[in-house]
PDB file of N, CA and C in Angstrom:
ATOM      1  N   UNK A   1     -93.295  -0.962 116.014  1.00  0.00           N
ATOM      2  CA  UNK A   1     -92.143  -1.810 115.789  1.00  0.00           C
ATOM      3  C   UNK A   1     -91.798  -1.865 114.310  1.00  0.00           C
ATOM      4  N   UNK A   2     -92.797  -1.995 113.468  1.00  0.00           N
ATOM      5  CA  UNK A   2     -92.571  -2.058 112.032  1.00  0.00           C
ATOM      6  C   UNK A   2     -91.992  -0.744 111.515  1.00  0.00           C
ATOM      7  N   UNK A   3     -92.389   0.354 112.126  1.00  0.00           N
ATOM      8  CA  UNK A   3     -91.868   1.645 111.681  1.00  0.00           C
ATOM      9  C   UNK A   3     -90.370   1.768 111.962  1.00  0.00           C
ATOM     10  N   UNK A   4     -89.862   1.131 113.003  1.00  0.00           N
ATOM     11  CA  UNK A   4     -88.432   1.162 113.284  1.00  0.00           C
ATOM     12  C   UNK A   4     -87.641   0.403 112.225  1.00  0.00           C
ATOM     13  N   UNK A   5     -88.221  -0.652 111.705  1.00  0.00           N
ATOM     14  CA  UNK A   5     -87.533  -1.446 110.693  1.00  0.00           C
ATOM     15  C   UNK A   5     -87.538  -0.782 109.326  1.00  0.00           C
ATOM     16  N   UNK A   6     -88.453   0.116 109.121  1.00  0.00           N
ATOM     17  CA  UNK A   6     -88.568   0.732 107.799  1.00  0.00           C
ATOM     18  C   UNK A   6     -87.886   2.098 107.719  1.00  0.00           C
ATOM     19  N   UNK A   7     -87.073   2.417 108.695  1.00  0.00           N
ATOM     20  CA  UNK A   7     -86.354   3.690 108.656  1.00  0.00           C
ATOM     21  C   UNK A   7     -85.268   3.596 107.590  1.00  0.00           C
ATOM     22  N   UNK A   8     -85.291   4.526 106.692  1.00  0.00           N
ATOM     23  CA  UNK A   8     -84.305   4.555 105.609  1.00  0.00           C
ATOM     24  C   UNK A   8     -83.409   5.768 105.801  1.00  0.00           C
ATOM     25  N   UNK A   9     -82.132   5.551 105.610  1.00  0.00           N
ATOM     26  CA  UNK A   9     -81.235   6.689 105.617  1.00  0.00           C
ATOM     27  C   UNK A   9     -81.392   7.416 104.293  1.00  0.00           C
ATOM     28  N   UNK A  10     -81.332   8.709 104.377  1.00  0.00           N
ATOM     29  CA  UNK A  10     -81.419   9.482 103.150  1.00  0.00           C
ATOM     30  C   UNK A  10     -80.093   9.350 102.415  1.00  0.00           C
ATOM     31  N   UNK A  11     -80.169   8.942 101.179  1.00  0.00           N
ATOM     32  CA  UNK A  11     -78.942   8.823 100.397  1.00  0.00           C
ATOM     33  C   UNK A  11     -78.612  10.175  99.790  1.00  0.00           C
ATOM     34  N   UNK A  12     -77.333  10.504  99.837  1.00  0.00           N
ATOM     35  CA  UNK A  12     -76.882  11.765  99.281  1.00  0.00           C
ATOM     36  C   UNK A  12     -76.235  11.500  97.927  1.00  0.00           C
ATOM     37  N   UNK A  13     -76.462  12.367  96.965  1.00  0.00           N
ATOM     38  CA  UNK A  13     -75.760  12.217  95.695  1.00  0.00           C
ATOM     39  C   UNK A  13     -74.255  12.399  95.902  1.00  0.00           C
ATOM     40  N   UNK A  14     -73.480  11.814  95.016  1.00  0.00           N
ATOM     41  CA  UNK A  14     -72.026  11.874  95.138  1.00  0.00           C
ATOM     42  C   UNK A  14     -71.524  13.311  95.136  1.00  0.00           C
ATOM     43  N   UNK A  15     -72.115  14.170  94.327  1.00  0.00           N
ATOM     44  CA  UNK A  15     -71.690  15.571  94.289  1.00  0.00           C
ATOM     45  C   UNK A  15     -71.835  16.240  95.648  1.00  0.00           C
ATOM     46  N   UNK A  16     -72.892  15.913  96.375  1.00  0.00           N
ATOM     47  CA  UNK A  16     -73.105  16.513  97.694  1.00  0.00           C
ATOM     48  C   UNK A  16     -72.041  16.050  98.677  1.00  0.00           C
ATOM     49  N   UNK A  17     -71.639  14.799  98.573  1.00  0.00           N
ATOM     50  CA  UNK A  17     -70.600  14.274  99.469  1.00  0.00           C
ATOM     51  C   UNK A  17     -69.256  14.911  99.147  1.00  0.00           C
ATOM     52  N   UNK A  18     -68.939  15.035  97.859  1.00  0.00           N
ATOM     53  CA  UNK A  18     -67.647  15.589  97.453  1.00  0.00           C
ATOM     54  C   UNK A  18     -67.527  17.075  97.749  1.00  0.00           C
ATOM     55  N   UNK A  19     -68.640  17.768  97.893  1.00  0.00           N
ATOM     56  CA  UNK A  19     -68.610  19.206  98.138  1.00  0.00           C
ATOM     57  C   UNK A  19     -68.482  19.575  99.614  1.00  0.00           C
ATOM     58  N   UNK A  20     -68.396  18.604 100.488  1.00  0.00           N
ATOM     59  CA  UNK A  20     -68.321  18.919 101.910  1.00  0.00           C
ATOM     60  C   UNK A  20     -66.915  19.363 102.292  1.00  0.00           C
ATOM     61  N   UNK A  21     -66.835  20.206 103.305  1.00  0.00           N
ATOM     62  CA  UNK A  21     -65.543  20.670 103.805  1.00  0.00           C
ATOM     63  C   UNK A  21     -64.757  19.528 104.431  1.00  0.00           C
ATOM     64  N   UNK A  22     -65.450  18.602 105.047  1.00  0.00           N
ATOM     65  CA  UNK A  22     -64.783  17.464 105.683  1.00  0.00           C
ATOM     66  C   UNK A  22     -64.046  16.625 104.634  1.00  0.00           C
ATOM     67  N   UNK A  23     -64.682  16.394 103.498  1.00  0.00           N
ATOM     68  CA  UNK A  23     -64.050  15.620 102.431  1.00  0.00           C
ATOM     69  C   UNK A  23     -62.820  16.351 101.908  1.00  0.00           C
ATOM     70  N   UNK A  24     -62.909  17.658 101.746  1.00  0.00           N
ATOM     71  CA  UNK A  24     -61.774  18.448 101.264  1.00  0.00           C
ATOM     72  C   UNK A  24     -60.607  18.376 102.235  1.00  0.00           C
ATOM     73  N   UNK A  25     -60.908  18.449 103.519  1.00  0.00           N
ATOM     74  CA  UNK A  25     -59.864  18.372 104.537  1.00  0.00           C
ATOM     75  C   UNK A  25     -59.180  17.017 104.512  1.00  0.00           C
ATOM     76  N   UNK A  26     -59.960  15.955 104.398  1.00  0.00           N
ATOM     77  CA  UNK A  26     -59.389  14.606 104.339  1.00  0.00           C
ATOM     78  C   UNK A  26     -58.527  14.451 103.091  1.00  0.00           C
ATOM     79  N   UNK A  27     -58.969  15.005 101.975  1.00  0.00           N
ATOM     80  CA  UNK A  27     -58.208  14.928 100.732  1.00  0.00           C
ATOM     81  C   UNK A  27     -56.858  15.624 100.877  1.00  0.00           C
ATOM     82  N   UNK A  28     -56.851  16.827 101.435  1.00  0.00           N
ATOM     83  CA  UNK A  28     -55.605  17.577 101.612  1.00  0.00           C
ATOM     84  C   UNK A  28     -54.679  16.850 102.584  1.00  0.00           C
ATOM     85  N   UNK A  29     -55.223  16.346 103.691  1.00  0.00           N
ATOM     86  CA  UNK A  29     -54.392  15.614 104.652  1.00  0.00           C
ATOM     87  C   UNK A  29     -53.806  14.351 104.033  1.00  0.00           C
ATOM     88  N   UNK A  30     -54.580  13.671 103.215  1.00  0.00           N
ATOM     89  CA  UNK A  30     -54.088  12.480 102.523  1.00  0.00           C
ATOM     90  C   UNK A  30     -52.941  12.835 101.579  1.00  0.00           C
ATOM     91  N   UNK A  31     -53.098  13.919 100.845  1.00  0.00           N
ATOM     92  CA  UNK A  31     -52.035  14.348  99.932  1.00  0.00           C
ATOM     93  C   UNK A  31     -50.774  14.746 100.694  1.00  0.00           C
ATOM     94  N   UNK A  32     -50.933  15.404 101.833  1.00  0.00           N
ATOM     95  CA  UNK A  32     -49.763  15.772 102.639  1.00  0.00           C
ATOM     96  C   UNK A  32     -49.078  14.532 103.204  1.00  0.00           C
ATOM     97  N   UNK A  33     -49.859  13.538 103.606  1.00  0.00           N
ATOM     98  CA  UNK A  33     -49.285  12.276 104.075  1.00  0.00           C
ATOM     99  C   UNK A  33     -48.507  11.573 102.975  1.00  0.00           C
ATOM    100  N   UNK A  34     -49.063  11.566 101.763  1.00  0.00           N
ATOM    101  CA  UNK A  34     -48.358  10.966 100.630  1.00  0.00           C
ATOM    102  C   UNK A  34     -47.079  11.738 100.318  1.00  0.00           C
ATOM    103  N   UNK A  35     -47.129  13.057 100.479  1.00  0.00           N
ATOM    104  CA  UNK A  35     -45.945  13.891 100.258  1.00  0.00           C
ATOM    105  C   UNK A  35     -44.828  13.492 101.210  1.00  0.00           C
ATOM    106  N   UNK A  36     -45.151  13.353 102.489  1.00  0.00           N
ATOM    107  CA  UNK A  36     -44.143  12.952 103.476  1.00  0.00           C
ATOM    108  C   UNK A  36     -43.600  11.559 103.186  1.00  0.00           C
ATOM    109  N   UNK A  37     -44.472  10.648 102.801  1.00  0.00           N
ATOM    110  CA  UNK A  37     -44.065   9.278 102.488  1.00  0.00           C
ATOM    111  C   UNK A  37     -43.067   9.260 101.328  1.00  0.00           C
ATOM    112  N   UNK A  38     -43.390   9.977 100.258  1.00  0.00           N
ATOM    113  CA  UNK A  38     -42.506   9.999  99.092  1.00  0.00           C
ATOM    114  C   UNK A  38     -41.197  10.725  99.402  1.00  0.00           C
ATOM    115  N   UNK A  39     -41.248  11.782 100.203  1.00  0.00           N
ATOM    116  CA  UNK A  39     -40.025  12.494 100.580  1.00  0.00           C
ATOM    117  C   UNK A  39     -39.115  11.600 101.409  1.00  0.00           C
ATOM    118  N   UNK A  40     -39.684  10.822 102.316  1.00  0.00           N
ATOM    119  CA  UNK A  40     -38.882   9.901 103.127  1.00  0.00           C
ATOM    120  C   UNK A  40     -38.270   8.792 102.291  1.00  0.00           C
ATOM    121  N   UNK A  41     -38.905   8.432 101.188  1.00  0.00           N
ATOM    122  CA  UNK A  41     -38.378   7.400 100.298  1.00  0.00           C
ATOM    123  C   UNK A  41     -37.351   7.969  99.328  1.00  0.00           C
ATOM    124  N   UNK A  42     -37.151   9.275  99.337  1.00  0.00           N
ATOM    125  CA  UNK A  42     -36.178   9.900  98.449  1.00  0.00           C
ATOM    126  C   UNK A  42     -36.738  10.303  97.099  1.00  0.00           C
ATOM    127  N   UNK A  43     -38.040  10.215  96.920  1.00  0.00           N
ATOM    128  CA  UNK A  43     -38.687  10.612  95.664  1.00  0.00           C
ATOM    129  C   UNK A  43     -39.082  12.084  95.746  1.00  0.00           C
ATOM    130  N   UNK A  44     -38.077  12.947  95.661  1.00  0.00           N
ATOM    131  CA  UNK A  44     -38.310  14.376  95.865  1.00  0.00           C
ATOM    132  C   UNK A  44     -39.211  14.992  94.797  1.00  0.00           C
ATOM    133  N   UNK A  45     -39.040  14.565  93.530  1.00  0.00           N
ATOM    134  CA  UNK A  45     -39.875  15.131  92.465  1.00  0.00           C
ATOM    135  C   UNK A  45     -41.343  14.791  92.696  1.00  0.00           C
ATOM    136  N   UNK A  46     -41.600  13.532  93.020  1.00  0.00           N
ATOM    137  CA  UNK A  46     -42.989  13.114  93.254  1.00  0.00           C
ATOM    138  C   UNK A  46     -43.543  13.801  94.508  1.00  0.00           C
ATOM    139  N   UNK A  47     -42.705  13.970  95.532  1.00  0.00           N
ATOM    140  CA  UNK A  47     -43.144  14.657  96.748  1.00  0.00           C
ATOM    141  C   UNK A  47     -43.544  16.099  96.435  1.00  0.00           C
ATOM    142  N   UNK A  48     -42.771  16.760  95.589  1.00  0.00           N
ATOM    143  CA  UNK A  48     -43.112  18.139  95.212  1.00  0.00           C
ATOM    144  C   UNK A  48     -44.403  18.196  94.406  1.00  0.00           C
ATOM    145  N   UNK A  49     -44.601  17.214  93.521  1.00  0.00           N
ATOM    146  CA  UNK A  49     -45.854  17.167  92.762  1.00  0.00           C
ATOM    147  C   UNK A  49     -47.048  16.965  93.688  1.00  0.00           C
ATOM    148  N   UNK A  50     -46.903  16.092  94.671  1.00  0.00           N
ATOM    149  CA  UNK A  50     -47.993  15.849  95.617  1.00  0.00           C
ATOM    150  C   UNK A  50     -48.255  17.078  96.480  1.00  0.00           C
ATOM    151  N   UNK A  51     -47.186  17.762  96.888  1.00  0.00           N
ATOM    152  CA  UNK A  51     -47.357  18.985  97.669  1.00  0.00           C
ATOM    153  C   UNK A  51     -48.088  20.046  96.843  1.00  0.00           C
ATOM    154  N   UNK A  52     -47.700  20.182  95.587  1.00  0.00           N
ATOM    155  CA  UNK A  52     -48.393  21.117  94.701  1.00  0.00           C
ATOM    156  C   UNK A  52     -49.857  20.755  94.518  1.00  0.00           C
ATOM    157  N   UNK A  53     -50.126  19.453  94.411  1.00  0.00           N
ATOM    158  CA  UNK A  53     -51.508  18.996  94.278  1.00  0.00           C
ATOM    159  C   UNK A  53     -52.304  19.314  95.536  1.00  0.00           C
ATOM    160  N   UNK A  54     -51.674  19.177  96.704  1.00  0.00           N
ATOM    161  CA  UNK A  54     -52.350  19.517  97.963  1.00  0.00           C
ATOM    162  C   UNK A  54     -52.681  21.009  98.003  1.00  0.00           C
ATOM    163  N   UNK A  55     -51.761  21.833  97.519  1.00  0.00           N
ATOM    164  CA  UNK A  55     -52.020  23.274  97.496  1.00  0.00           C
ATOM    165  C   UNK A  55     -53.133  23.618  96.509  1.00  0.00           C
ATOM    166  N   UNK A  56     -53.157  22.928  95.372  1.00  0.00           N
ATOM    167  CA  UNK A  56     -54.232  23.135  94.398  1.00  0.00           C
ATOM    168  C   UNK A  56     -55.563  22.686  94.989  1.00  0.00           C
ATOM    169  N   UNK A  57     -55.536  21.600  95.774  1.00  0.00           N
ATOM    170  CA  UNK A  57     -56.766  21.054  96.364  1.00  0.00           C
ATOM    171  C   UNK A  57     -57.444  22.061  97.290  1.00  0.00           C
ATOM    172  N   UNK A  58     -56.666  22.960  97.863  1.00  0.00           N
ATOM    173  CA  UNK A  58     -57.253  23.987  98.726  1.00  0.00           C
ATOM    174  C   UNK A  58     -58.113  24.967  97.930  1.00  0.00           C
ATOM    175  N   UNK A  59     -57.797  25.123  96.642  1.00  0.00           N
ATOM    176  CA  UNK A  59     -58.506  26.092  95.808  1.00  0.00           C
ATOM    177  C   UNK A  59     -59.542  25.464  94.880  1.00  0.00           C
ATOM    178  N   UNK A  60     -59.216  24.274  94.338  1.00  0.00           N
ATOM    179  CA  UNK A  60     -60.089  23.674  93.321  1.00  0.00           C
ATOM    180  C   UNK A  60     -60.104  22.156  93.451  1.00  0.00           C
ATOM    181  N   UNK A  61     -61.261  21.619  93.796  1.00  0.00           N
ATOM    182  CA  UNK A  61     -61.383  20.162  93.937  1.00  0.00           C
ATOM    183  C   UNK A  61     -61.226  19.468  92.598  1.00  0.00           C
ATOM    184  N   UNK A  62     -61.825  20.022  91.558  1.00  0.00           N
ATOM    185  CA  UNK A  62     -61.773  19.382  90.242  1.00  0.00           C
ATOM    186  C   UNK A  62     -60.349  19.327  89.706  1.00  0.00           C
ATOM    187  N   UNK A  63     -59.615  20.412  89.830  1.00  0.00           N
ATOM    188  CA  UNK A  63     -58.228  20.424  89.369  1.00  0.00           C
ATOM    189  C   UNK A  63     -57.385  19.457  90.191  1.00  0.00           C
ATOM    190  N   UNK A  64     -57.666  19.383  91.480  1.00  0.00           N
ATOM    191  CA  UNK A  64     -56.945  18.456  92.347  1.00  0.00           C
ATOM    192  C   UNK A  64     -57.187  17.013  91.931  1.00  0.00           C
ATOM    193  N   UNK A  65     -58.434  16.671  91.644  1.00  0.00           N
ATOM    194  CA  UNK A  65     -58.743  15.302  91.221  1.00  0.00           C
ATOM    195  C   UNK A  65     -58.080  14.991  89.884  1.00  0.00           C
ATOM    196  N   UNK A  66     -58.024  15.972  88.989  1.00  0.00           N
ATOM    197  CA  UNK A  66     -57.365  15.760  87.697  1.00  0.00           C
ATOM    198  C   UNK A  66     -55.875  15.496  87.894  1.00  0.00           C
ATOM    199  N   UNK A  67     -55.236  16.291  88.741  1.00  0.00           N
ATOM    200  CA  UNK A  67     -53.811  16.087  89.015  1.00  0.00           C
ATOM    201  C   UNK A  67     -53.558  14.748  89.694  1.00  0.00           C
ATOM    202  N   UNK A  68     -54.432  14.366  90.611  1.00  0.00           N
ATOM    203  CA  UNK A  68     -54.277  13.070  91.269  1.00  0.00           C
ATOM    204  C   UNK A  68     -54.421  11.932  90.264  1.00  0.00           C
ATOM    205  N   UNK A  69     -55.299  12.102  89.286  1.00  0.00           N
ATOM    206  CA  UNK A  69     -55.446  11.100  88.233  1.00  0.00           C
ATOM    207  C   UNK A  69     -54.187  10.977  87.392  1.00  0.00           C
ATOM    208  N   UNK A  70     -53.576  12.112  87.067  1.00  0.00           N
ATOM    209  CA  UNK A  70     -52.328  12.102  86.297  1.00  0.00           C
ATOM    210  C   UNK A  70     -51.228  11.406  87.095  1.00  0.00           C
ATOM    211  N   UNK A  71     -51.115  11.714  88.381  1.00  0.00           N
ATOM    212  CA  UNK A  71     -50.089  11.085  89.213  1.00  0.00           C
ATOM    213  C   UNK A  71     -50.323   9.588  89.363  1.00  0.00           C
ATOM    214  N   UNK A  72     -51.579   9.186  89.493  1.00  0.00           N
ATOM    215  CA  UNK A  72     -51.890   7.756  89.600  1.00  0.00           C
ATOM    216  C   UNK A  72     -51.567   7.036  88.294  1.00  0.00           C
ATOM    217  N   UNK A  73     -51.895   7.649  87.158  1.00  0.00           N
ATOM    218  CA  UNK A  73     -51.579   7.048  85.861  1.00  0.00           C
ATOM    219  C   UNK A  73     -50.071   6.940  85.672  1.00  0.00           C
ATOM    220  N   UNK A  74     -49.342   7.976  86.077  1.00  0.00           N
ATOM    221  CA  UNK A  74     -47.883   7.952  85.994  1.00  0.00           C
ATOM    222  C   UNK A  74     -47.314   6.818  86.836  1.00  0.00           C
ATOM    223  N   UNK A  75     -47.854   6.634  88.025  1.00  0.00           N
ATOM    224  CA  UNK A  75     -47.392   5.563  88.912  1.00  0.00           C
ATOM    225  C   UNK A  75     -47.674   4.195  88.292  1.00  0.00           C
ATOM    226  N   UNK A  76     -48.854   4.029  87.722  1.00  0.00           N
ATOM    227  CA  UNK A  76     -49.237   2.761  87.101  1.00  0.00           C
ATOM    228  C   UNK A  76     -48.357   2.450  85.892  1.00  0.00           C
ATOM    229  N   UNK A  77     -48.113   3.452  85.049  1.00  0.00           N
ATOM    230  CA  UNK A  77     -47.237   3.251  83.889  1.00  0.00           C
ATOM    231  C   UNK A  77     -45.829   2.905  84.355  1.00  0.00           C
ATOM    232  N   UNK A  78     -45.387   3.540  85.435  1.00  0.00           N
ATOM    233  CA  UNK A  78     -44.067   3.230  85.982  1.00  0.00           C
ATOM    234  C   UNK A  78     -43.964   1.799  86.456  1.00  0.00           C
ATOM    235  N   UNK A  79     -45.024   1.281  87.050  1.00  0.00           N
ATOM    236  CA  UNK A  79     -45.028  -0.113  87.502  1.00  0.00           C
ATOM    237  C   UNK A  79     -44.968  -1.071  86.315  1.00  0.00           C
ATOM    238  N   UNK A  80     -45.674  -0.736  85.242  1.00  0.00           N
ATOM    239  CA  UNK A  80     -45.738  -1.621  84.074  1.00  0.00           C
ATOM    240  C   UNK A  80     -44.476  -1.499  83.217  1.00  0.00           C
ATOM    241  N   UNK A  81     -44.082  -0.267  82.896  1.00  0.00           N
ATOM    242  CA  UNK A  81     -42.977  -0.042  81.961  1.00  0.00           C
ATOM    243  C   UNK A  81     -41.618   0.024  82.639  1.00  0.00           C
ATOM    244  N   UNK A  82     -41.597   0.251  83.933  1.00  0.00           N
ATOM    245  CA  UNK A  82     -40.323   0.336  84.639  1.00  0.00           C
ATOM    246  C   UNK A  82     -39.783   1.746  84.774  1.00  0.00           C
ATOM    247  N   UNK A  83     -40.354   2.704  84.060  1.00  0.00           N
ATOM    248  CA  UNK A  83     -39.918   4.093  84.180  1.00  0.00           C
ATOM    249  C   UNK A  83     -41.135   4.992  84.091  1.00  0.00           C
ATOM    250  N   UNK A  84     -41.177   5.981  84.924  1.00  0.00           N
ATOM    251  CA  UNK A  84     -42.322   6.888  84.959  1.00  0.00           C
ATOM    252  C   UNK A  84     -42.144   8.010  83.948  1.00  0.00           C
ATOM    253  N   UNK A  85     -43.196   8.301  83.175  1.00  0.00           N
ATOM    254  CA  UNK A  85     -43.108   9.367  82.169  1.00  0.00           C
ATOM    255  C   UNK A  85     -42.773  10.735  82.764  1.00  0.00           C
ATOM    256  N   UNK A  86     -43.300  11.054  83.943  1.00  0.00           N
ATOM    257  CA  UNK A  86     -43.024  12.371  84.531  1.00  0.00           C
ATOM    258  C   UNK A  86     -41.560  12.517  84.920  1.00  0.00           C
ATOM    259  N   UNK A  87     -40.907  11.430  85.325  1.00  0.00           N
ATOM    260  CA  UNK A  87     -39.476  11.491  85.632  1.00  0.00           C
ATOM    261  C   UNK A  87     -38.679  11.789  84.371  1.00  0.00           C
ATOM    262  N   UNK A  88     -39.093  11.219  83.243  1.00  0.00           N
ATOM    263  CA  UNK A  88     -38.435  11.489  81.967  1.00  0.00           C
ATOM    264  C   UNK A  88     -38.576  12.962  81.607  1.00  0.00           C
ATOM    265  N   UNK A  89     -39.738  13.523  81.821  1.00  0.00           N
ATOM    266  CA  UNK A  89     -39.965  14.944  81.538  1.00  0.00           C
ATOM    267  C   UNK A  89     -39.088  15.806  82.433  1.00  0.00           C
ATOM    268  N   UNK A  90     -38.984  15.464  83.720  1.00  0.00           N
ATOM    269  CA  UNK A  90     -38.159  16.251  84.642  1.00  0.00           C
ATOM    270  C   UNK A  90     -36.692  16.243  84.222  1.00  0.00           C
ATOM    271  N   UNK A  91     -36.207  15.123  83.706  1.00  0.00           N
ATOM    272  CA  UNK A  91     -34.807  15.053  83.281  1.00  0.00           C
ATOM    273  C   UNK A  91     -34.551  15.933  82.067  1.00  0.00           C
ATOM    274  N   UNK A  92     -35.564  16.182  81.253  1.00  0.00           N
ATOM    275  CA  UNK A  92     -35.393  16.978  80.040  1.00  0.00           C
ATOM    276  C   UNK A  92     -35.524  18.476  80.291  1.00  0.00           C
ATOM    277  N   UNK A  93     -36.042  18.854  81.436  1.00  0.00           N
ATOM    278  CA  UNK A  93     -36.218  20.273  81.756  1.00  0.00           C
ATOM    279  C   UNK A  93     -34.904  20.819  82.306  1.00  0.00           C
ATOM    280  N   UNK A  94     -34.329  21.843  81.649  1.00  0.00           N
ATOM    281  CA  UNK A  94     -33.076  22.411  82.158  1.00  0.00           C
ATOM    282  C   UNK A  94     -33.321  23.203  83.442  1.00  0.00           C
ATOM    283  N   UNK A  95     -32.451  23.018  84.389  1.00  0.00           N
ATOM    284  CA  UNK A  95     -32.573  23.750  85.663  1.00  0.00           C
ATOM    285  C   UNK A  95     -31.592  24.877  85.742  1.00  0.00           C
TER     286      UNK A  95
END
């Protein structure tokens, strides 16, 4: 009986969890869901950035996390300042 109470789950390091295929799939699906959400709201530039990040996530987890960090920071600055820096950059790029 005491042995049943002392069963410990083996803890996995964070790197081992992040390297799983299941985590990568969830990350890509989450990015695609965010892409659809932003496209439905009319935020086409942000939707394209998220779609690009999802495509990068298929090849490189680290680059994907870096891009997601940039997008999150842009969103946070937009909430505080009222205008997102990436939108300002897009307006300055000639098409």
